[in-house]
Amino acid sequence: MDTFNESVSEMAKRKVYDEDFKKMIVELYESKKPIYEIKREYGLVDATIYRWINEYGKIKTETGESTSNHEMKKLKKENLKLKEELEMARKYSRQNRR
């Protein structure tokens, strides 16, 4: 079998996990459950667990609140959209003043 077919076969074997499952794994990690136990119990690899920790793990803000990278990305995207809408409204307002 050539390497292309092997890599396609490997990709087909990859499992897809829903967001709730990923968050549950991160919660286990944050509750001090050892990585090796999480790996063994759920059949995951280190890289997958650490990627989910980076994405869904808690981050303390300057105000002491907790958030996650996932939430921060969502908020940044929403903020950008609102800025664009505000700029469009300003342009429209300037055009209608004339």
N, C-alpha and C. Protein backbone atom coordinates (compact mmCIF):
# COMPACT_ATOMS: atom_id res chain seq x y z
N MET A 1 0.85 -1.17 0.00
CA MET A 1 0.00 0.00 0.00
C MET A 1 0.90 1.24 0.00
N ASP A 2 0.58 2.25 -0.79
CA ASP A 2 1.41 3.45 -0.82
C ASP A 2 1.10 4.36 0.37
N THR A 3 1.98 5.32 0.62
CA THR A 3 1.83 6.17 1.80
C THR A 3 0.58 7.04 1.76
N PHE A 4 0.15 7.45 0.56
CA PHE A 4 -1.06 8.26 0.47
C PHE A 4 -2.25 7.48 1.00
N ASN A 5 -2.42 6.25 0.53
CA ASN A 5 -3.55 5.43 0.99
C ASN A 5 -3.45 5.13 2.48
N GLU A 6 -2.22 4.94 2.98
CA GLU A 6 -2.04 4.69 4.41
C GLU A 6 -2.48 5.90 5.22
N SER A 7 -2.09 7.10 4.78
CA SER A 7 -2.46 8.29 5.54
C SER A 7 -3.96 8.54 5.47
N VAL A 8 -4.58 8.26 4.34
CA VAL A 8 -6.03 8.40 4.22
C VAL A 8 -6.71 7.41 5.15
N SER A 9 -6.17 6.21 5.22
CA SER A 9 -6.72 5.20 6.11
C SER A 9 -6.59 5.63 7.56
N GLU A 10 -5.45 6.20 7.94
CA GLU A 10 -5.25 6.67 9.30
C GLU A 10 -6.22 7.80 9.64
N MET A 11 -6.43 8.72 8.70
CA MET A 11 -7.35 9.83 8.93
C MET A 11 -8.77 9.30 9.14
N ALA A 12 -9.12 8.26 8.43
CA ALA A 12 -10.47 7.71 8.56
C ALA A 12 -10.67 7.09 9.95
N LYS A 13 -9.59 6.66 10.58
CA LYS A 13 -9.69 6.03 11.90
C LYS A 13 -9.79 7.05 13.03
N ARG A 14 -9.48 8.31 12.76
CA ARG A 14 -9.51 9.33 13.80
C ARG A 14 -10.92 9.48 14.36
N LYS A 15 -10.99 9.57 15.67
CA LYS A 15 -12.27 9.75 16.32
C LYS A 15 -12.60 11.23 16.39
N VAL A 16 -13.86 11.54 16.35
CA VAL A 16 -14.31 12.92 16.51
C VAL A 16 -15.05 13.00 17.84
N TYR A 17 -14.61 13.93 18.67
CA TYR A 17 -15.20 14.08 20.00
C TYR A 17 -15.99 15.38 20.05
N ASP A 18 -17.13 15.35 20.73
CA ASP A 18 -17.93 16.58 20.82
C ASP A 18 -17.35 17.50 21.89
N GLU A 19 -17.78 18.73 21.86
CA GLU A 19 -17.25 19.76 22.75
C GLU A 19 -17.46 19.42 24.22
N ASP A 20 -18.60 18.85 24.56
CA ASP A 20 -18.88 18.49 25.96
C ASP A 20 -17.88 17.46 26.48
N PHE A 21 -17.53 16.49 25.62
CA PHE A 21 -16.56 15.47 26.02
C PHE A 21 -15.20 16.12 26.26
N LYS A 22 -14.79 17.00 25.37
CA LYS A 22 -13.50 17.69 25.51
C LYS A 22 -13.46 18.48 26.80
N LYS A 23 -14.54 19.19 27.09
CA LYS A 23 -14.60 19.99 28.32
C LYS A 23 -14.56 19.09 29.55
N MET A 24 -15.18 17.93 29.49
CA MET A 24 -15.17 17.00 30.61
C MET A 24 -13.74 16.51 30.88
N ILE A 25 -13.00 16.22 29.82
CA ILE A 25 -11.60 15.77 29.97
C ILE A 25 -10.77 16.88 30.62
N VAL A 26 -10.98 18.12 30.19
CA VAL A 26 -10.26 19.26 30.77
C VAL A 26 -10.63 19.42 32.25
N GLU A 27 -11.89 19.25 32.57
CA GLU A 27 -12.33 19.35 33.96
C GLU A 27 -11.66 18.27 34.82
N LEU A 28 -11.52 17.07 34.27
CA LEU A 28 -10.82 16.01 35.00
C LEU A 28 -9.38 16.42 35.27
N TYR A 29 -8.73 16.97 34.26
CA TYR A 29 -7.35 17.43 34.41
C TYR A 29 -7.27 18.54 35.46
N GLU A 30 -8.18 19.50 35.38
CA GLU A 30 -8.17 20.63 36.31
C GLU A 30 -8.52 20.21 37.74
N SER A 31 -9.19 19.07 37.86
CA SER A 31 -9.50 18.55 39.21
C SER A 31 -8.36 17.66 39.71
N LYS A 32 -7.22 17.77 39.05
CA LYS A 32 -5.97 17.10 39.46
C LYS A 32 -5.91 15.61 39.14
N LYS A 33 -6.76 15.12 38.25
CA LYS A 33 -6.65 13.73 37.84
C LYS A 33 -5.41 13.61 36.94
N PRO A 34 -4.52 12.66 37.21
CA PRO A 34 -3.30 12.55 36.42
C PRO A 34 -3.57 12.26 34.94
N ILE A 35 -2.75 12.86 34.10
CA ILE A 35 -2.88 12.68 32.64
C ILE A 35 -2.83 11.20 32.28
N TYR A 36 -1.91 10.44 32.89
CA TYR A 36 -1.79 9.03 32.53
C TYR A 36 -3.08 8.26 32.80
N GLU A 37 -3.83 8.65 33.85
CA GLU A 37 -5.10 7.99 34.13
C GLU A 37 -6.16 8.37 33.09
N ILE A 38 -6.19 9.65 32.72
CA ILE A 38 -7.14 10.11 31.71
C ILE A 38 -6.86 9.39 30.39
N LYS A 39 -5.58 9.31 30.02
CA LYS A 39 -5.18 8.63 28.78
C LYS A 39 -5.66 7.18 28.79
N ARG A 40 -5.36 6.49 29.88
CA ARG A 40 -5.70 5.07 29.97
C ARG A 40 -7.21 4.85 29.97
N GLU A 41 -7.91 5.67 30.75
CA GLU A 41 -9.36 5.48 30.90
C GLU A 41 -10.13 5.79 29.62
N TYR A 42 -9.69 6.81 28.87
CA TYR A 42 -10.46 7.26 27.71
C TYR A 42 -9.78 6.97 26.37
N GLY A 43 -8.60 6.34 26.39
CA GLY A 43 -7.92 5.96 25.15
C GLY A 43 -7.43 7.16 24.35
N LEU A 44 -6.96 8.19 25.04
CA LEU A 44 -6.49 9.40 24.38
C LEU A 44 -4.97 9.47 24.42
N VAL A 45 -4.40 10.33 23.61
CA VAL A 45 -2.96 10.56 23.62
C VAL A 45 -2.67 11.93 24.24
N ASP A 46 -1.44 12.08 24.72
CA ASP A 46 -1.04 13.32 25.38
C ASP A 46 -1.36 14.56 24.56
N ALA A 47 -0.97 14.55 23.30
CA ALA A 47 -1.14 15.74 22.44
C ALA A 47 -2.60 16.18 22.38
N THR A 48 -3.50 15.23 22.30
CA THR A 48 -4.93 15.54 22.23
C THR A 48 -5.39 16.20 23.53
N ILE A 49 -5.00 15.62 24.63
CA ILE A 49 -5.41 16.16 25.93
C ILE A 49 -4.86 17.57 26.12
N TYR A 50 -3.57 17.77 25.82
CA TYR A 50 -2.98 19.10 26.00
C TYR A 50 -3.57 20.13 25.05
N ARG A 51 -3.95 19.71 23.85
CA ARG A 51 -4.61 20.64 22.91
C ARG A 51 -5.95 21.08 23.49
N TRP A 52 -6.70 20.15 24.05
CA TRP A 52 -7.99 20.49 24.65
C TRP A 52 -7.81 21.37 25.88
N ILE A 53 -6.76 21.12 26.68
CA ILE A 53 -6.48 21.95 27.85
C ILE A 53 -6.20 23.38 27.40
N ASN A 54 -5.41 23.52 26.33
CA ASN A 54 -5.11 24.86 25.81
C ASN A 54 -6.36 25.56 25.29
N GLU A 55 -7.26 24.79 24.72
CA GLU A 55 -8.46 25.39 24.14
C GLU A 55 -9.54 25.65 25.18
N TYR A 56 -9.77 24.71 26.07
CA TYR A 56 -10.91 24.80 26.99
C TYR A 56 -10.52 25.02 28.46
N GLY A 57 -9.24 24.99 28.75
CA GLY A 57 -8.79 25.16 30.14
C GLY A 57 -9.10 26.55 30.66
N LYS A 58 -9.22 26.65 31.96
CA LYS A 58 -9.56 27.93 32.59
C LYS A 58 -8.36 28.87 32.59
N ILE A 59 -8.66 30.14 32.34
CA ILE A 59 -7.67 31.22 32.37
C ILE A 59 -8.23 32.28 33.31
N LYS A 60 -7.40 32.78 34.19
CA LYS A 60 -7.82 33.86 35.10
C LYS A 60 -7.61 35.19 34.39
N THR A 61 -8.63 36.05 34.42
CA THR A 61 -8.54 37.37 33.81
C THR A 61 -7.99 38.36 34.84
N GLU A 62 -7.73 39.58 34.39
CA GLU A 62 -7.23 40.62 35.29
C GLU A 62 -8.21 40.91 36.42
N THR A 63 -9.50 40.71 36.16
CA THR A 63 -10.52 40.98 37.18
C THR A 63 -10.76 39.78 38.10
N GLY A 64 -10.02 38.69 37.87
CA GLY A 64 -10.16 37.51 38.71
C GLY A 64 -11.20 36.52 38.23
N GLU A 65 -11.86 36.83 37.12
CA GLU A 65 -12.85 35.90 36.56
C GLU A 65 -12.14 34.78 35.80
N SER A 66 -12.84 33.69 35.58
CA SER A 66 -12.30 32.58 34.79
C SER A 66 -12.93 32.56 33.41
N THR A 67 -12.11 32.24 32.42
CA THR A 67 -12.59 32.07 31.05
C THR A 67 -11.71 31.02 30.39
N SER A 68 -11.90 30.78 29.10
CA SER A 68 -11.08 29.81 28.37
C SER A 68 -10.64 30.43 27.06
N ASN A 69 -9.62 29.84 26.45
CA ASN A 69 -9.19 30.31 25.13
C ASN A 69 -10.34 30.22 24.13
N HIS A 70 -11.12 29.17 24.24
CA HIS A 70 -12.26 28.98 23.34
C HIS A 70 -13.23 30.17 23.47
N GLU A 71 -13.53 30.53 24.70
CA GLU A 71 -14.44 31.65 24.95
C GLU A 71 -13.81 32.96 24.48
N MET A 72 -12.51 33.12 24.72
CA MET A 72 -11.82 34.35 24.29
C MET A 72 -11.87 34.49 22.77
N LYS A 73 -11.64 33.41 22.04
CA LYS A 73 -11.71 33.46 20.58
C LYS A 73 -13.12 33.86 20.13
N LYS A 74 -14.12 33.28 20.77
CA LYS A 74 -15.51 33.59 20.44
C LYS A 74 -15.80 35.07 20.69
N LEU A 75 -15.34 35.58 21.82
CA LEU A 75 -15.58 36.99 22.15
C LEU A 75 -14.83 37.92 21.20
N LYS A 76 -13.61 37.57 20.82
CA LYS A 76 -12.85 38.39 19.88
C LYS A 76 -13.55 38.44 18.52
N LYS A 77 -14.07 37.30 18.09
CA LYS A 77 -14.78 37.25 16.82
C LYS A 77 -16.04 38.12 16.88
N GLU A 78 -16.78 38.02 17.98
CA GLU A 78 -17.98 38.83 18.15
C GLU A 78 -17.63 40.32 18.21
N ASN A 79 -16.54 40.65 18.91
CA ASN A 79 -16.10 42.03 19.01
C ASN A 79 -15.74 42.60 17.64
N LEU A 80 -15.04 41.82 16.83
CA LEU A 80 -14.68 42.26 15.48
C LEU A 80 -15.93 42.51 14.65
N LYS A 81 -16.90 41.61 14.75
CA LYS A 81 -18.15 41.77 14.01
C LYS A 81 -18.87 43.06 14.43
N LEU A 82 -18.91 43.33 15.72
CA LEU A 82 -19.57 44.53 16.22
C LEU A 82 -18.83 45.80 15.77
N LYS A 83 -17.51 45.75 15.75
CA LYS A 83 -16.73 46.89 15.27
C LYS A 83 -17.03 47.17 13.79
N GLU A 84 -17.11 46.08 13.01
CA GLU A 84 -17.42 46.24 11.58
C GLU A 84 -18.81 46.84 11.39
N GLU A 85 -19.78 46.35 12.17
CA GLU A 85 -21.13 46.88 12.08
C GLU A 85 -21.18 48.35 12.49
N LEU A 86 -20.44 48.72 13.52
CA LEU A 86 -20.38 50.11 13.96
C LEU A 86 -19.77 51.00 12.87
N GLU A 87 -18.70 50.53 12.25
CA GLU A 87 -18.08 51.29 11.18
C GLU A 87 -19.04 51.48 10.01
N MET A 88 -19.77 50.44 9.66
CA MET A 88 -20.75 50.54 8.57
C MET A 88 -21.84 51.55 8.94
N ALA A 89 -22.30 51.53 10.19
CA ALA A 89 -23.34 52.48 10.64
C ALA A 89 -22.82 53.90 10.60
N ARG A 90 -21.56 54.10 10.97
CA ARG A 90 -20.96 55.44 10.92
C ARG A 90 -20.88 55.94 9.48
N LYS A 91 -20.45 55.07 8.56
CA LYS A 91 -20.36 55.46 7.15
C LYS A 91 -21.74 55.82 6.61
N TYR A 92 -22.72 55.02 6.95
CA TYR A 92 -24.10 55.26 6.50
C TYR A 92 -24.60 56.60 7.04
N SER A 93 -24.30 56.85 8.32
CA SER A 93 -24.72 58.10 8.96
C SER A 93 -24.08 59.31 8.29
N ARG A 94 -22.78 59.21 7.98
CA ARG A 94 -22.08 60.31 7.32
C ARG A 94 -22.67 60.58 5.93
N GLN A 95 -23.00 59.52 5.22
CA GLN A 95 -23.56 59.67 3.86
C GLN A 95 -24.94 60.33 3.92
N ASN A 96 -25.72 60.04 4.92
CA ASN A 96 -27.07 60.59 5.02
C ASN A 96 -27.11 62.02 5.55
N ARG A 97 -26.01 62.50 6.11
CA ARG A 97 -25.95 63.88 6.58
C ARG A 97 -25.81 64.87 5.42
N ARG A 98 -25.30 64.39 4.32
CA ARG A 98 -25.05 65.29 3.18
C ARG A 98 -26.29 65.65 2.45
